[in-house]
């Protein structure tokens, strides 16, 4: 069994309201956070300090998605507006308008240069980031499309909805492929494994489901947390993935056998979250996991791995 060590490196404070999302920035030491404040905050992970407010926003931000190939940051707001910020020109270069209700998730299809956005209105919009025109939209559900996941080969897209369903689409032509109905409450997190073999889903029912992507058959059904599983993230290099929950805990799992390796929480003796964890992200250049939540703080964790037998 893998043995993990977890250490708190820093707690980043400065937000005045809950943080809903976190994303890596344009440089390895940059971290971006946003939520119910009127600005997107840039942090320096080398100094573990506030850098600056990257830009102001008009409404709460539910989604941030950095696009390395373009050096863009896509920003999804409660108003339904999507802003495209360029790190090269340091300004918003385009505003994409279609959704009248909040945008909850954003993903980028590099092979097609298309940005995909999901909304509370039950639709998904697809935008060309060369022309900034909407090239397609999908009527997924009559309820919120909360989360999006794209497999590593960019062949498959998954959409998780408030009606507890997961809709699997072909990324090439946006044709429908599968409907998964294994959760009993709204879908709140989706993730493909880095090798593309597995697909993971988390819900308000506190369950973590594992599927084989070959036919989307479910192979594991785990009660992962006490409450909503808000975020799932694979470590960039190690055979480990993490989940973050409304129950205020982070759990680290073996990516090969899906066994629980470690729980990081206040109850387990860590100086950790005391309110809901809303999003987690790995910093790819360091073994750091960043978690954000309702107490207006970003926690930076160092995660180490060795192959000694667990005690």
C-alpha atoms as a PDB file:
ATOM      1  CA  UNK A   1       0.000   0.000   0.000  1.00  0.00           C
ATOM      2  CA  UNK A   2       1.286   3.449  -0.901  1.00  0.00           C
ATOM      3  CA  UNK A   3       2.261   5.693   1.976  1.00  0.00           C
ATOM      4  CA  UNK A   4       1.655   9.421   1.771  1.00  0.00           C
ATOM      5  CA  UNK A   5       2.907  12.320   3.836  1.00  0.00           C
ATOM      6  CA  UNK A   6       0.884  15.538   3.886  1.00  0.00           C
ATOM      7  CA  UNK A   7       2.062  18.868   5.242  1.00  0.00           C
ATOM      8  CA  UNK A   8       0.400  22.266   5.280  1.00  0.00           C
ATOM      9  CA  UNK A   9       2.691  24.777   3.548  1.00  0.00           C
ATOM     10  CA  UNK A  10       0.576  27.897   3.787  1.00  0.00           C
ATOM     11  CA  UNK A  11      -2.865  29.383   4.256  1.00  0.00           C
ATOM     12  CA  UNK A  12      -3.537  32.215   1.823  1.00  0.00           C
ATOM     13  CA  UNK A  13      -5.934  34.844   3.133  1.00  0.00           C
ATOM     14  CA  UNK A  14      -7.416  37.966   1.591  1.00  0.00           C
ATOM     15  CA  UNK A  15     -10.780  37.057   0.114  1.00  0.00           C
ATOM     16  CA  UNK A  16     -13.742  38.661   1.844  1.00  0.00           C
ATOM     17  CA  UNK A  17     -16.255  36.026   0.738  1.00  0.00           C
ATOM     18  CA  UNK A  18     -16.365  32.290  -0.082  1.00  0.00           C
ATOM     19  CA  UNK A  19     -13.994  31.022  -2.782  1.00  0.00           C
ATOM     20  CA  UNK A  20     -15.691  28.870  -5.407  1.00  0.00           C
ATOM     21  CA  UNK A  21     -12.861  28.036  -7.784  1.00  0.00           C
ATOM     22  CA  UNK A  22      -9.075  27.747  -8.041  1.00  0.00           C
ATOM     23  CA  UNK A  23      -6.782  27.365 -11.060  1.00  0.00           C
ATOM     24  CA  UNK A  24      -3.092  27.356 -11.928  1.00  0.00           C
ATOM     25  CA  UNK A  25      -1.803  30.515 -13.552  1.00  0.00           C
ATOM     26  CA  UNK A  26       0.377  31.254 -16.554  1.00  0.00           C
ATOM     27  CA  UNK A  27       3.604  30.640 -14.587  1.00  0.00           C
ATOM     28  CA  UNK A  28       4.464  27.666 -12.325  1.00  0.00           C
ATOM     29  CA  UNK A  29       4.373  29.816  -9.200  1.00  0.00           C
ATOM     30  CA  UNK A  30       1.050  31.468 -10.008  1.00  0.00           C
ATOM     31  CA  UNK A  31      -2.292  30.538  -8.484  1.00  0.00           C
ATOM     32  CA  UNK A  32      -5.682  32.045  -9.273  1.00  0.00           C
ATOM     33  CA  UNK A  33      -8.728  32.109  -7.015  1.00  0.00           C
ATOM     34  CA  UNK A  34     -12.209  33.559  -7.390  1.00  0.00           C
ATOM     35  CA  UNK A  35     -15.635  33.378  -5.859  1.00  0.00           C
ATOM     36  CA  UNK A  36     -18.146  35.730  -4.343  1.00  0.00           C
ATOM     37  CA  UNK A  37     -15.733  38.677  -4.378  1.00  0.00           C
ATOM     38  CA  UNK A  38     -15.625  41.281  -7.125  1.00  0.00           C
ATOM     39  CA  UNK A  39     -12.203  40.288  -8.390  1.00  0.00           C
ATOM     40  CA  UNK A  40      -9.960  37.414  -9.447  1.00  0.00           C
ATOM     41  CA  UNK A  41      -6.932  37.109  -7.167  1.00  0.00           C
ATOM     42  CA  UNK A  42      -3.418  36.159  -8.280  1.00  0.00           C
ATOM     43  CA  UNK A  43      -1.117  34.551  -5.682  1.00  0.00           C
ATOM     44  CA  UNK A  44       2.636  33.906  -5.678  1.00  0.00           C
ATOM     45  CA  UNK A  45       3.318  30.318  -4.548  1.00  0.00           C
ATOM     46  CA  UNK A  46       7.059  30.946  -4.249  1.00  0.00           C
ATOM     47  CA  UNK A  47       6.484  33.581  -1.588  1.00  0.00           C
ATOM     48  CA  UNK A  48       3.084  32.211  -0.481  1.00  0.00           C
ATOM     49  CA  UNK A  49       1.682  35.721  -0.648  1.00  0.00           C
ATOM     50  CA  UNK A  50      -0.950  37.808  -2.378  1.00  0.00           C
ATOM     51  CA  UNK A  51       0.314  39.204  -5.681  1.00  0.00           C
ATOM     52  CA  UNK A  52      -2.542  41.321  -7.043  1.00  0.00           C
ATOM     53  CA  UNK A  53      -6.143  41.419  -8.124  1.00  0.00           C
ATOM     54  CA  UNK A  54      -5.811  40.195 -11.702  1.00  0.00           C
ATOM     55  CA  UNK A  55      -9.014  41.874 -12.831  1.00  0.00           C
ATOM     56  CA  UNK A  56     -12.349  43.021 -11.451  1.00  0.00           C
ATOM     57  CA  UNK A  57     -15.577  41.159 -12.243  1.00  0.00           C
ATOM     58  CA  UNK A  58     -19.197  42.236 -12.169  1.00  0.00           C
ATOM     59  CA  UNK A  59     -20.643  39.127 -10.514  1.00  0.00           C
ATOM     60  CA  UNK A  60     -19.559  36.003  -8.646  1.00  0.00           C
ATOM     61  CA  UNK A  61     -17.140  33.706 -10.497  1.00  0.00           C
ATOM     62  CA  UNK A  62     -17.936  29.984 -10.535  1.00  0.00           C
ATOM     63  CA  UNK A  63     -15.394  28.817 -13.137  1.00  0.00           C
ATOM     64  CA  UNK A  64     -11.786  29.583 -14.089  1.00  0.00           C
ATOM     65  CA  UNK A  65      -9.985  27.690 -16.843  1.00  0.00           C
ATOM     66  CA  UNK A  66      -6.420  28.435 -17.937  1.00  0.00           C
ATOM     67  CA  UNK A  67      -5.571  27.585 -21.567  1.00  0.00           C
ATOM     68  CA  UNK A  68      -1.763  27.196 -21.882  1.00  0.00           C
ATOM     69  CA  UNK A  69      -1.606  27.038 -25.678  1.00  0.00           C
ATOM     70  CA  UNK A  70      -3.226  30.466 -25.978  1.00  0.00           C
ATOM     71  CA  UNK A  71      -2.115  31.909 -22.629  1.00  0.00           C
ATOM     72  CA  UNK A  72      -5.751  32.759 -21.985  1.00  0.00           C
ATOM     73  CA  UNK A  73      -7.865  32.562 -18.853  1.00  0.00           C
ATOM     74  CA  UNK A  74     -11.552  31.816 -19.411  1.00  0.00           C
ATOM     75  CA  UNK A  75     -13.831  33.164 -16.676  1.00  0.00           C
ATOM     76  CA  UNK A  76     -17.416  32.056 -16.102  1.00  0.00           C
ATOM     77  CA  UNK A  77     -19.638  34.385 -14.087  1.00  0.00           C
ATOM     78  CA  UNK A  78     -22.916  34.155 -12.240  1.00  0.00           C
ATOM     79  CA  UNK A  79     -24.362  36.621 -14.753  1.00  0.00           C
ATOM     80  CA  UNK A  80     -23.828  34.108 -17.570  1.00  0.00           C
ATOM     81  CA  UNK A  81     -21.012  36.146 -19.084  1.00  0.00           C
ATOM     82  CA  UNK A  82     -17.738  34.501 -20.148  1.00  0.00           C
ATOM     83  CA  UNK A  83     -14.653  36.705 -20.239  1.00  0.00           C
ATOM     84  CA  UNK A  84     -11.457  35.787 -22.082  1.00  0.00           C
ATOM     85  CA  UNK A  85      -8.404  37.307 -20.391  1.00  0.00           C
ATOM     86  CA  UNK A  86      -5.029  37.340 -22.161  1.00  0.00           C
ATOM     87  CA  UNK A  87      -1.910  37.035 -20.016  1.00  0.00           C
ATOM     88  CA  UNK A  88       0.054  38.447 -22.952  1.00  0.00           C
ATOM     89  CA  UNK A  89      -1.837  41.734 -23.190  1.00  0.00           C
ATOM     90  CA  UNK A  90      -3.019  41.677 -19.545  1.00  0.00           C
ATOM     91  CA  UNK A  91      -6.591  42.510 -20.434  1.00  0.00           C
ATOM     92  CA  UNK A  92      -9.954  41.016 -21.273  1.00  0.00           C
ATOM     93  CA  UNK A  93      -9.836  40.589 -25.040  1.00  0.00           C
ATOM     94  CA  UNK A  94     -13.330  39.207 -25.580  1.00  0.00           C
ATOM     95  CA  UNK A  95     -16.635  38.726 -23.767  1.00  0.00           C
ATOM     96  CA  UNK A  96     -18.801  35.810 -24.869  1.00  0.00           C
ATOM     97  CA  UNK A  97     -22.540  36.338 -24.406  1.00  0.00           C
ATOM     98  CA  UNK A  98     -25.142  33.597 -24.722  1.00  0.00           C
ATOM     99  CA  UNK A  99     -26.159  32.244 -21.327  1.00  0.00           C
ATOM    100  CA  UNK A 100     -28.700  34.212 -19.294  1.00  0.00           C
ATOM    101  CA  UNK A 101     -27.988  32.168 -16.164  1.00  0.00           C
ATOM    102  CA  UNK A 102     -24.737  31.321 -14.312  1.00  0.00           C
ATOM    103  CA  UNK A 103     -21.865  29.562 -16.075  1.00  0.00           C
ATOM    104  CA  UNK A 104     -20.659  26.744 -13.810  1.00  0.00           C
ATOM    105  CA  UNK A 105     -17.833  25.110 -15.759  1.00  0.00           C
ATOM    106  CA  UNK A 106     -15.448  25.731 -18.648  1.00  0.00           C
ATOM    107  CA  UNK A 107     -13.209  23.359 -20.594  1.00  0.00           C
ATOM    108  CA  UNK A 108     -11.049  23.700 -23.726  1.00  0.00           C
ATOM    109  CA  UNK A 109     -10.796  21.317 -26.680  1.00  0.00           C
ATOM    110  CA  UNK A 110      -7.273  22.034 -27.939  1.00  0.00           C
ATOM    111  CA  UNK A 111      -7.688  19.890 -31.052  1.00  0.00           C
ATOM    112  CA  UNK A 112     -10.589  22.058 -32.221  1.00  0.00           C
ATOM    113  CA  UNK A 113      -9.642  25.347 -30.542  1.00  0.00           C
ATOM    114  CA  UNK A 114     -13.055  25.366 -28.912  1.00  0.00           C
ATOM    115  CA  UNK A 115     -14.155  26.531 -25.475  1.00  0.00           C
ATOM    116  CA  UNK A 116     -17.038  24.623 -23.907  1.00  0.00           C
ATOM    117  CA  UNK A 117     -19.247  26.236 -21.258  1.00  0.00           C
ATOM    118  CA  UNK A 118     -22.011  24.743 -19.124  1.00  0.00           C
ATOM    119  CA  UNK A 119     -24.796  26.689 -17.479  1.00  0.00           C
ATOM    120  CA  UNK A 120     -27.639  26.684 -15.013  1.00  0.00           C
ATOM    121  CA  UNK A 121     -29.957  27.064 -18.013  1.00  0.00           C
ATOM    122  CA  UNK A 122     -29.359  23.388 -18.899  1.00  0.00           C
ATOM    123  CA  UNK A 123     -27.413  24.137 -22.068  1.00  0.00           C
ATOM    124  CA  UNK A 124     -23.801  23.892 -23.183  1.00  0.00           C
ATOM    125  CA  UNK A 125     -22.295  26.460 -25.536  1.00  0.00           C
ATOM    126  CA  UNK A 126     -19.288  25.864 -27.794  1.00  0.00           C
ATOM    127  CA  UNK A 127     -17.099  28.790 -28.881  1.00  0.00           C
ATOM    128  CA  UNK A 128     -14.343  29.097 -31.457  1.00  0.00           C
ATOM    129  CA  UNK A 129     -11.429  30.910 -29.834  1.00  0.00           C
ATOM    130  CA  UNK A 130     -10.143  32.127 -33.194  1.00  0.00           C
ATOM    131  CA  UNK A 131     -13.293  34.009 -34.156  1.00  0.00           C
ATOM    132  CA  UNK A 132     -14.937  34.198 -30.696  1.00  0.00           C
ATOM    133  CA  UNK A 133     -18.174  33.075 -32.304  1.00  0.00           C
ATOM    134  CA  UNK A 134     -20.561  30.499 -30.886  1.00  0.00           C
ATOM    135  CA  UNK A 135     -20.334  27.531 -33.219  1.00  0.00           C
ATOM    136  CA  UNK A 136     -22.675  25.142 -31.447  1.00  0.00           C
ATOM    137  CA  UNK A 137     -24.905  24.654 -28.460  1.00  0.00           C
ATOM    138  CA  UNK A 138     -26.359  21.569 -26.827  1.00  0.00           C
ATOM    139  CA  UNK A 139     -29.640  21.337 -24.959  1.00  0.00           C
ATOM    140  CA  UNK A 140     -28.449  18.848 -22.349  1.00  0.00           C
ATOM    141  CA  UNK A 141     -31.056  19.004 -19.603  1.00  0.00           C
ATOM    142  CA  UNK A 142     -33.909  21.031 -18.164  1.00  0.00           C
ATOM    143  CA  UNK A 143     -31.746  21.491 -15.068  1.00  0.00           C
ATOM    144  CA  UNK A 144     -28.265  22.888 -14.356  1.00  0.00           C
ATOM    145  CA  UNK A 145     -25.269  21.434 -16.210  1.00  0.00           C
ATOM    146  CA  UNK A 146     -22.846  21.677 -13.309  1.00  0.00           C
ATOM    147  CA  UNK A 147     -19.597  20.100 -14.526  1.00  0.00           C
ATOM    148  CA  UNK A 148     -17.691  19.111 -17.681  1.00  0.00           C
ATOM    149  CA  UNK A 149     -14.856  16.614 -18.200  1.00  0.00           C
ATOM    150  CA  UNK A 150     -12.887  15.846 -21.369  1.00  0.00           C
ATOM    151  CA  UNK A 151     -10.859  12.660 -21.757  1.00  0.00           C
ATOM    152  CA  UNK A 152      -7.096  12.983 -22.431  1.00  0.00           C
ATOM    153  CA  UNK A 153      -7.434  12.036 -26.117  1.00  0.00           C
ATOM    154  CA  UNK A 154     -10.173  14.652 -26.571  1.00  0.00           C
ATOM    155  CA  UNK A 155     -12.515  12.043 -28.028  1.00  0.00           C
ATOM    156  CA  UNK A 156     -15.174  12.128 -25.313  1.00  0.00           C
ATOM    157  CA  UNK A 157     -16.913  14.826 -23.273  1.00  0.00           C
ATOM    158  CA  UNK A 158     -18.962  14.219 -20.125  1.00  0.00           C
ATOM    159  CA  UNK A 159     -21.565  16.570 -18.680  1.00  0.00           C
ATOM    160  CA  UNK A 160     -22.889  16.216 -15.125  1.00  0.00           C
ATOM    161  CA  UNK A 161     -26.283  17.681 -14.271  1.00  0.00           C
ATOM    162  CA  UNK A 162     -28.474  18.614 -11.344  1.00  0.00           C
ATOM    163  CA  UNK A 163     -30.897  15.827 -12.261  1.00  0.00           C
ATOM    164  CA  UNK A 164     -28.280  13.264 -11.109  1.00  0.00           C
ATOM    165  CA  UNK A 165     -27.424  12.193 -14.638  1.00  0.00           C
ATOM    166  CA  UNK A 166     -24.208  12.133 -16.648  1.00  0.00           C
ATOM    167  CA  UNK A 167     -24.405  12.650 -20.391  1.00  0.00           C
ATOM    168  CA  UNK A 168     -21.523  11.307 -22.490  1.00  0.00           C
ATOM    169  CA  UNK A 169     -20.938  12.912 -25.905  1.00  0.00           C
ATOM    170  CA  UNK A 170     -18.566  12.381 -28.816  1.00  0.00           C
ATOM    171  CA  UNK A 171     -16.172  15.345 -28.886  1.00  0.00           C
ATOM    172  CA  UNK A 172     -15.710  15.214 -32.649  1.00  0.00           C
ATOM    173  CA  UNK A 173     -19.293  15.879 -33.708  1.00  0.00           C
ATOM    174  CA  UNK A 174     -21.052  16.428 -30.342  1.00  0.00           C
ATOM    175  CA  UNK A 175     -23.264  13.396 -30.849  1.00  0.00           C
ATOM    176  CA  UNK A 176     -24.804  11.688 -27.811  1.00  0.00           C
ATOM    177  CA  UNK A 177     -23.268   8.360 -26.722  1.00  0.00           C
ATOM    178  CA  UNK A 178     -24.254   7.261 -23.201  1.00  0.00           C
ATOM    179  CA  UNK A 179     -26.476   8.216 -20.285  1.00  0.00           C
ATOM    180  CA  UNK A 180     -25.273   7.262 -16.782  1.00  0.00           C
ATOM    181  CA  UNK A 181     -27.820   7.226 -13.954  1.00  0.00           C
ATOM    182  CA  UNK A 182     -25.922   5.757 -11.005  1.00  0.00           C
ATOM    183  CA  UNK A 183     -26.110   8.755  -8.650  1.00  0.00           C
ATOM    184  CA  UNK A 184     -29.196   9.583  -6.620  1.00  0.00           C
ATOM    185  CA  UNK A 185     -28.505  13.308  -6.226  1.00  0.00           C
ATOM    186  CA  UNK A 186     -26.966  16.100  -8.383  1.00  0.00           C
ATOM    187  CA  UNK A 187     -23.599  15.511 -10.070  1.00  0.00           C
ATOM    188  CA  UNK A 188     -20.982  17.875  -8.661  1.00  0.00           C
ATOM    189  CA  UNK A 189     -17.624  16.588  -9.988  1.00  0.00           C
ATOM    190  CA  UNK A 190     -16.296  14.651 -12.978  1.00  0.00           C
ATOM    191  CA  UNK A 191     -12.800  13.559 -13.975  1.00  0.00           C
ATOM    192  CA  UNK A 192     -11.034  11.255 -16.445  1.00  0.00           C
ATOM    193  CA  UNK A 193      -7.859   9.466 -15.377  1.00  0.00           C
ATOM    194  CA  UNK A 194      -4.666  10.719 -17.079  1.00  0.00           C
ATOM    195  CA  UNK A 195      -4.334   7.461 -19.049  1.00  0.00           C
ATOM    196  CA  UNK A 196      -7.949   7.707 -20.201  1.00  0.00           C
ATOM    197  CA  UNK A 197      -8.851   4.283 -18.828  1.00  0.00           C
ATOM    198  CA  UNK A 198     -11.178   5.418 -16.051  1.00  0.00           C
ATOM    199  CA  UNK A 199     -13.935   7.973 -15.599  1.00  0.00           C
ATOM    200  CA  UNK A 200     -14.816   9.226 -12.112  1.00  0.00           C
ATOM    201  CA  UNK A 201     -17.933  10.986 -10.890  1.00  0.00           C
ATOM    202  CA  UNK A 202     -18.880  12.545  -7.567  1.00  0.00           C
ATOM    203  CA  UNK A 203     -22.239  13.773  -6.365  1.00  0.00           C
ATOM    204  CA  UNK A 204     -24.266  15.410  -3.668  1.00  0.00           C
ATOM    205  CA  UNK A 205     -25.052  11.858  -2.534  1.00  0.00           C
ATOM    206  CA  UNK A 206     -21.422  11.665  -1.258  1.00  0.00           C
ATOM    207  CA  UNK A 207     -20.705   8.805  -3.666  1.00  0.00           C
ATOM    208  CA  UNK A 208     -17.689   8.302  -5.911  1.00  0.00           C
ATOM    209  CA  UNK A 209     -18.379   6.149  -8.962  1.00  0.00           C
ATOM    210  CA  UNK A 210     -15.617   4.637 -11.124  1.00  0.00           C
ATOM    211  CA  UNK A 211     -16.283   3.610 -14.741  1.00  0.00           C
ATOM    212  CA  UNK A 212     -14.278   1.967 -17.486  1.00  0.00           C
ATOM    213  CA  UNK A 213     -14.190   4.341 -20.440  1.00  0.00           C
ATOM    214  CA  UNK A 214     -14.222   1.452 -22.924  1.00  0.00           C
ATOM    215  CA  UNK A 215     -17.963   1.042 -22.424  1.00  0.00           C
ATOM    216  CA  UNK A 216     -18.735   3.275 -19.400  1.00  0.00           C
ATOM    217  CA  UNK A 217     -19.594   0.294 -17.224  1.00  0.00           C
ATOM    218  CA  UNK A 218     -19.369   1.048 -13.507  1.00  0.00           C
ATOM    219  CA  UNK A 219     -16.708  -0.940 -11.651  1.00  0.00           C
ATOM    220  CA  UNK A 220     -16.655   0.815  -8.249  1.00  0.00           C
ATOM    221  CA  UNK A 221     -19.304   2.516  -6.097  1.00  0.00           C
ATOM    222  CA  UNK A 222     -17.712   4.172  -3.056  1.00  0.00           C
ATOM    223  CA  UNK A 223     -19.188   6.203  -0.231  1.00  0.00           C
ATOM    224  CA  UNK A 224     -16.296   8.631  -0.408  1.00  0.00           C
ATOM    225  CA  UNK A 225     -17.386  11.384   1.980  1.00  0.00           C
ATOM    226  CA  UNK A 226     -20.135  12.316   4.414  1.00  0.00           C
ATOM    227  CA  UNK A 227     -21.512  15.022   2.120  1.00  0.00           C
ATOM    228  CA  UNK A 228     -21.157  16.377  -1.430  1.00  0.00           C
ATOM    229  CA  UNK A 229     -18.032  15.469  -3.438  1.00  0.00           C
ATOM    230  CA  UNK A 230     -17.298  18.864  -4.970  1.00  0.00           C
ATOM    231  CA  UNK A 231     -13.983  18.177  -6.691  1.00  0.00           C
ATOM    232  CA  UNK A 232     -11.831  15.322  -8.059  1.00  0.00           C
ATOM    233  CA  UNK A 233      -8.255  15.863  -9.232  1.00  0.00           C
ATOM    234  CA  UNK A 234      -5.484  13.479 -10.307  1.00  0.00           C
ATOM    235  CA  UNK A 235      -1.912  14.163  -9.294  1.00  0.00           C
ATOM    236  CA  UNK A 236       0.038  15.202 -12.440  1.00  0.00           C
ATOM    237  CA  UNK A 237       2.639  12.405 -12.096  1.00  0.00           C
ATOM    238  CA  UNK A 238       1.925  10.128  -9.135  1.00  0.00           C
ATOM    239  CA  UNK A 239      -0.679   7.300  -9.053  1.00  0.00           C
ATOM    240  CA  UNK A 240      -2.871   9.296  -6.697  1.00  0.00           C
ATOM    241  CA  UNK A 241      -6.032  11.339  -6.955  1.00  0.00           C
ATOM    242  CA  UNK A 242      -7.718  13.623  -4.454  1.00  0.00           C
ATOM    243  CA  UNK A 243     -11.313  14.463  -3.620  1.00  0.00           C
ATOM    244  CA  UNK A 244     -12.618  17.513  -1.790  1.00  0.00           C
ATOM    245  CA  UNK A 245     -15.964  17.684  -0.059  1.00  0.00           C
ATOM    246  CA  UNK A 246     -18.585  19.742   1.675  1.00  0.00           C
ATOM    247  CA  UNK A 247     -17.732  17.623   4.739  1.00  0.00           C
ATOM    248  CA  UNK A 248     -14.561  19.771   5.066  1.00  0.00           C
ATOM    249  CA  UNK A 249     -12.156  16.944   4.273  1.00  0.00           C
ATOM    250  CA  UNK A 250      -9.683  16.115   1.510  1.00  0.00           C
ATOM    251  CA  UNK A 251      -9.201  12.435   0.776  1.00  0.00           C
ATOM    252  CA  UNK A 252      -6.266  10.957  -1.129  1.00  0.00           C
ATOM    253  CA  UNK A 253      -6.815   7.729  -3.067  1.00  0.00           C
ATOM    254  CA  UNK A 254      -4.705   5.112  -4.825  1.00  0.00           C
ATOM    255  CA  UNK A 255      -5.322   5.592  -8.545  1.00  0.00           C
ATOM    256  CA  UNK A 256      -4.732   1.894  -9.295  1.00  0.00           C
ATOM    257  CA  UNK A 257      -7.015   0.130  -6.818  1.00  0.00           C
ATOM    258  CA  UNK A 258      -9.124   3.100  -5.607  1.00  0.00           C
ATOM    259  CA  UNK A 259      -8.289   2.439  -1.960  1.00  0.00           C
ATOM    260  CA  UNK A 260      -8.284   5.324   0.498  1.00  0.00           C
ATOM    261  CA  UNK A 261      -4.732   6.346   1.419  1.00  0.00           C
ATOM    262  CA  UNK A 262      -5.209   9.346   3.697  1.00  0.00           C
ATOM    263  CA  UNK A 263      -7.814  11.738   5.044  1.00  0.00           C
ATOM    264  CA  UNK A 264      -6.811  15.351   5.592  1.00  0.00           C
ATOM    265  CA  UNK A 265      -9.190  17.140   7.930  1.00  0.00           C
ATOM    266  CA  UNK A 266      -9.409  19.139  11.138  1.00  0.00           C
ATOM    267  CA  UNK A 267     -10.733  16.021  12.870  1.00  0.00           C
ATOM    268  CA  UNK A 268      -7.598  14.121  11.809  1.00  0.00           C
ATOM    269  CA  UNK A 269      -5.347  16.674  13.477  1.00  0.00           C
ATOM    270  CA  UNK A 270      -4.563  18.928  10.517  1.00  0.00           C
ATOM    271  CA  UNK A 271      -4.895  22.705  10.515  1.00  0.00           C
ATOM    272  CA  UNK A 272      -7.485  22.281   7.801  1.00  0.00           C
ATOM    273  CA  UNK A 273     -10.807  23.523   6.486  1.00  0.00           C
ATOM    274  CA  UNK A 274     -13.613  24.155   8.958  1.00  0.00           C
ATOM    275  CA  UNK A 275     -16.186  24.826   6.250  1.00  0.00           C
ATOM    276  CA  UNK A 276     -17.005  23.336   2.849  1.00  0.00           C
ATOM    277  CA  UNK A 277     -14.196  22.626   0.364  1.00  0.00           C
ATOM    278  CA  UNK A 278     -15.433  23.837  -3.017  1.00  0.00           C
ATOM    279  CA  UNK A 279     -12.510  23.083  -5.357  1.00  0.00           C
ATOM    280  CA  UNK A 280      -9.059  21.496  -5.402  1.00  0.00           C
ATOM    281  CA  UNK A 281      -6.218  21.681  -7.930  1.00  0.00           C
ATOM    282  CA  UNK A 282      -2.694  20.263  -8.163  1.00  0.00           C
ATOM    283  CA  UNK A 283       0.256  22.502  -8.940  1.00  0.00           C
ATOM    284  CA  UNK A 284       2.015  20.571 -11.703  1.00  0.00           C
ATOM    285  CA  UNK A 285       5.545  21.811 -10.893  1.00  0.00           C
ATOM    286  CA  UNK A 286       5.449  20.896  -7.221  1.00  0.00           C
ATOM    287  CA  UNK A 287       3.816  18.175  -5.186  1.00  0.00           C
ATOM    288  CA  UNK A 288       1.294  20.693  -3.925  1.00  0.00           C
ATOM    289  CA  UNK A 289      -2.465  20.410  -3.650  1.00  0.00           C
ATOM    290  CA  UNK A 290      -4.428  23.635  -3.254  1.00  0.00           C
ATOM    291  CA  UNK A 291      -7.903  23.605  -1.723  1.00  0.00           C
ATOM    292  CA  UNK A 292     -10.374  26.481  -1.444  1.00  0.00           C
ATOM    293  CA  UNK A 293     -13.714  26.849   0.240  1.00  0.00           C
ATOM    294  CA  UNK A 294     -16.333  28.732   2.143  1.00  0.00           C
ATOM    295  CA  UNK A 295     -14.061  30.149   4.865  1.00  0.00           C
ATOM    296  CA  UNK A 296     -12.466  32.494   2.280  1.00  0.00           C
ATOM    297  CA  UNK A 297      -9.047  30.817   2.446  1.00  0.00           C
ATOM    298  CA  UNK A 298      -6.764  28.858   0.124  1.00  0.00           C
ATOM    299  CA  UNK A 299      -4.808  26.009   1.759  1.00  0.00           C
ATOM    300  CA  UNK A 300      -1.536  24.864   0.136  1.00  0.00           C
ATOM    301  CA  UNK A 301      -0.573  21.266   0.956  1.00  0.00           C
ATOM    302  CA  UNK A 302       2.663  19.399   0.180  1.00  0.00           C
ATOM    303  CA  UNK A 303       2.000  15.751  -0.658  1.00  0.00           C
ATOM    304  CA  UNK A 304       4.864  13.272  -0.670  1.00  0.00           C
ATOM    305  CA  UNK A 305       4.923   9.617  -1.692  1.00  0.00           C
ATOM    306  CA  UNK A 306       7.201   6.681  -0.932  1.00  0.00           C
ATOM    307  CA  UNK A 307       6.873   2.937  -1.295  1.00  0.00           C
ATOM    308  CA  UNK A 308       7.483   1.951   2.299  1.00  0.00           C
ATOM    309  CA  UNK A 309       4.763  -0.282   3.776  1.00  0.00           C
ATOM    310  CA  UNK A 310       2.070   1.702   5.521  1.00  0.00           C
ATOM    311  CA  UNK A 311       2.154   1.395   9.317  1.00  0.00           C
END
